Amino acid sequence: MPTTHYTKSHEYIRVEGETGIIGITDFAQAQLGDVVFVELPPIGKSLSKGAEAATIESVKAAAEVNVPVSGTVVEVNSALAESPGLVNEDPSGKGWF
C-alpha cells in the first residue's frame, strides 16, 4: 500500500514499493497560480536529499521542487512538457513530477 509523506515546503513523496513519486501539494499549486512551465531532471540523475529536482514557473512566480530523500531519477512525467497545467488540475495524481 502506498505511503505519502509531506515536507514543510509543500512537496510530497508517495512511496510505492521501492519507488518514490514526488510532486507538490494542492496548497503549493494554489499558491503558485496557473502553472505554465515545468523543467524536469534528466532520467538517471542522482539527487541528494534537499536538492533541486525540478523548476516550476507560474503566472505568479517561479519555484524549485526539492527532493525529500536521496535517490536516482528513474522516470519523469513527460506529459508536463505539453500540459504543465496538470500540476494545477491534479497535483497528487496526473501532476506528479
C-alpha atoms as a PDB file:
ATOM      1  CA  MET A   1       0.000   0.000   0.000  1.00  0.00           C
ATOM      2  CA  PRO A   2       1.442   3.424  -0.965  1.00  0.00           C
ATOM      3  CA  THR A   3       2.519   5.784   1.810  1.00  0.00           C
ATOM      4  CA  THR A   4       2.676   9.556   1.324  1.00  0.00           C
ATOM      5  CA  HIS A   5       4.956  11.903   3.271  1.00  0.00           C
ATOM      6  CA  TYR A   6       4.977  15.703   3.141  1.00  0.00           C
ATOM      7  CA  THR A   7       7.709  18.318   3.602  1.00  0.00           C
ATOM      8  CA  LYS A   8       7.364  21.693   5.322  1.00  0.00           C
ATOM      9  CA  SER A   9       7.910  23.317   1.920  1.00  0.00           C
ATOM     10  CA  HIS A  10       4.837  21.540   0.478  1.00  0.00           C
ATOM     11  CA  GLU A  11       6.436  18.798  -1.609  1.00  0.00           C
ATOM     12  CA  TYR A  12       5.270  15.222  -1.246  1.00  0.00           C
ATOM     13  CA  ILE A  13       6.741  11.811  -1.827  1.00  0.00           C
ATOM     14  CA  ARG A  14       4.459   8.836  -2.343  1.00  0.00           C
ATOM     15  CA  VAL A  15       6.336   5.606  -1.754  1.00  0.00           C
ATOM     16  CA  GLU A  16       5.188   2.645  -3.842  1.00  0.00           C
ATOM     17  CA  GLY A  17       7.433  -0.346  -3.223  1.00  0.00           C
ATOM     18  CA  GLU A  18      10.993   0.830  -3.853  1.00  0.00           C
ATOM     19  CA  THR A  19       9.934   3.864  -5.899  1.00  0.00           C
ATOM     20  CA  GLY A  20       9.133   7.347  -4.637  1.00  0.00           C
ATOM     21  CA  ILE A  21       6.898   9.646  -6.650  1.00  0.00           C
ATOM     22  CA  ILE A  22       7.357  13.355  -5.944  1.00  0.00           C
ATOM     23  CA  GLY A  23       5.267  16.420  -6.590  1.00  0.00           C
ATOM     24  CA  ILE A  24       3.826  19.472  -4.894  1.00  0.00           C
ATOM     25  CA  THR A  25       0.803  19.653  -2.632  1.00  0.00           C
ATOM     26  CA  ASP A  26      -2.555  21.106  -3.557  1.00  0.00           C
ATOM     27  CA  PHE A  27      -1.758  24.042  -1.256  1.00  0.00           C
ATOM     28  CA  ALA A  28       1.508  24.751  -3.116  1.00  0.00           C
ATOM     29  CA  GLN A  29      -0.096  24.717  -6.563  1.00  0.00           C
ATOM     30  CA  ALA A  30      -2.848  27.032  -5.342  1.00  0.00           C
ATOM     31  CA  GLN A  31      -0.246  29.491  -4.027  1.00  0.00           C
ATOM     32  CA  LEU A  32       1.637  29.428  -7.344  1.00  0.00           C
ATOM     33  CA  GLY A  33      -1.399  30.023  -9.533  1.00  0.00           C
ATOM     34  CA  ASP A  34      -1.573  28.776 -13.107  1.00  0.00           C
ATOM     35  CA  VAL A  35       1.497  26.678 -13.889  1.00  0.00           C
ATOM     36  CA  VAL A  36       2.846  27.490 -17.360  1.00  0.00           C
ATOM     37  CA  PHE A  37       6.153  25.576 -17.449  1.00  0.00           C
ATOM     38  CA  VAL A  38       7.849  22.684 -15.634  1.00  0.00           C
ATOM     39  CA  GLU A  39      11.525  21.762 -16.042  1.00  0.00           C
ATOM     40  CA  LEU A  40      12.211  18.170 -15.012  1.00  0.00           C
ATOM     41  CA  PRO A  41      15.515  16.469 -14.209  1.00  0.00           C
ATOM     42  CA  PRO A  42      17.109  14.011 -16.634  1.00  0.00           C
ATOM     43  CA  ILE A  43      16.491  10.311 -16.103  1.00  0.00           C
ATOM     44  CA  GLY A  44      19.475   8.744 -14.365  1.00  0.00           C
ATOM     45  CA  LYS A  45      20.385  11.868 -12.391  1.00  0.00           C
ATOM     46  CA  SER A  46      21.349  11.222  -8.763  1.00  0.00           C
ATOM     47  CA  LEU A  47      19.863  13.688  -6.297  1.00  0.00           C
ATOM     48  CA  SER A  48      20.694  14.234  -2.637  1.00  0.00           C
ATOM     49  CA  LYS A  49      18.010  14.975  -0.070  1.00  0.00           C
ATOM     50  CA  GLY A  50      17.049  18.647  -0.342  1.00  0.00           C
ATOM     51  CA  ALA A  51      18.490  19.094  -3.851  1.00  0.00           C
ATOM     52  CA  GLU A  52      16.531  20.834  -6.583  1.00  0.00           C
ATOM     53  CA  ALA A  53      14.728  18.239  -8.676  1.00  0.00           C
ATOM     54  CA  ALA A  54      12.500  20.442 -10.814  1.00  0.00           C
ATOM     55  CA  THR A  55      11.575  24.048 -11.523  1.00  0.00           C
ATOM     56  CA  ILE A  56       8.024  25.305 -11.821  1.00  0.00           C
ATOM     57  CA  GLU A  57       7.040  28.569 -13.468  1.00  0.00           C
ATOM     58  CA  SER A  58       3.603  30.033 -12.999  1.00  0.00           C
ATOM     59  CA  VAL A  59       1.908  33.294 -13.836  1.00  0.00           C
ATOM     60  CA  LYS A  60       2.830  34.496 -10.316  1.00  0.00           C
ATOM     61  CA  ALA A  61       6.320  33.123  -9.634  1.00  0.00           C
ATOM     62  CA  ALA A  62       8.989  30.525 -10.230  1.00  0.00           C
ATOM     63  CA  ALA A  63       9.697  27.861  -7.621  1.00  0.00           C
ATOM     64  CA  GLU A  64      12.006  24.927  -7.025  1.00  0.00           C
ATOM     65  CA  VAL A  65      10.842  21.435  -6.179  1.00  0.00           C
ATOM     66  CA  ASN A  66      13.329  19.818  -3.822  1.00  0.00           C
ATOM     67  CA  VAL A  67      13.589  16.091  -3.250  1.00  0.00           C
ATOM     68  CA  PRO A  68      12.664  14.936   0.247  1.00  0.00           C
ATOM     69  CA  VAL A  69      15.015  11.912   0.052  1.00  0.00           C
ATOM     70  CA  SER A  70      18.176  10.957  -1.816  1.00  0.00           C
ATOM     71  CA  GLY A  71      17.802   8.815  -4.916  1.00  0.00           C
ATOM     72  CA  THR A  72      18.117   8.438  -8.658  1.00  0.00           C
ATOM     73  CA  VAL A  73      15.555   9.661 -11.181  1.00  0.00           C
ATOM     74  CA  VAL A  74      14.108   6.584 -12.904  1.00  0.00           C
ATOM     75  CA  GLU A  75      11.161   8.249 -14.649  1.00  0.00           C
ATOM     76  CA  VAL A  76       9.712  11.727 -15.212  1.00  0.00           C
ATOM     77  CA  ASN A  77       6.216  12.878 -16.075  1.00  0.00           C
ATOM     78  CA  SER A  78       6.819  13.895 -19.689  1.00  0.00           C
ATOM     79  CA  ALA A  79       3.142  14.886 -20.023  1.00  0.00           C
ATOM     80  CA  LEU A  80       4.002  18.068 -18.077  1.00  0.00           C
ATOM     81  CA  ALA A  81       6.015  19.374 -21.053  1.00  0.00           C
ATOM     82  CA  GLU A  82       2.857  19.603 -23.154  1.00  0.00           C
ATOM     83  CA  SER A  83       0.383  20.181 -20.313  1.00  0.00           C
ATOM     84  CA  PRO A  84       2.007  21.898 -17.305  1.00  0.00           C
ATOM     85  CA  GLY A  85      -1.494  22.748 -16.055  1.00  0.00           C
ATOM     86  CA  LEU A  86      -1.800  19.130 -14.895  1.00  0.00           C
ATOM     87  CA  VAL A  87       0.017  20.328 -11.771  1.00  0.00           C
ATOM     88  CA  ASN A  88      -2.953  22.608 -11.051  1.00  0.00           C
ATOM     89  CA  GLU A  89      -5.631  20.135 -12.092  1.00  0.00           C
ATOM     90  CA  ASP A  90      -4.343  17.073 -10.214  1.00  0.00           C
ATOM     91  CA  PRO A  91      -1.138  17.775  -8.235  1.00  0.00           C
ATOM     92  CA  SER A  92      -1.148  14.485  -6.353  1.00  0.00           C
ATOM     93  CA  GLY A  93      -2.181  12.402  -9.350  1.00  0.00           C
ATOM     94  CA  LYS A  94      -1.525  13.266 -13.007  1.00  0.00           C
ATOM     95  CA  GLY A  95       0.576  16.292 -11.958  1.00  0.00           C
ATOM     96  CA  TRP A  96       3.452  14.321 -10.384  1.00  0.00           C
ATOM     97  CA  PHE A  97       6.992  15.157 -11.413  1.00  0.00           C
END
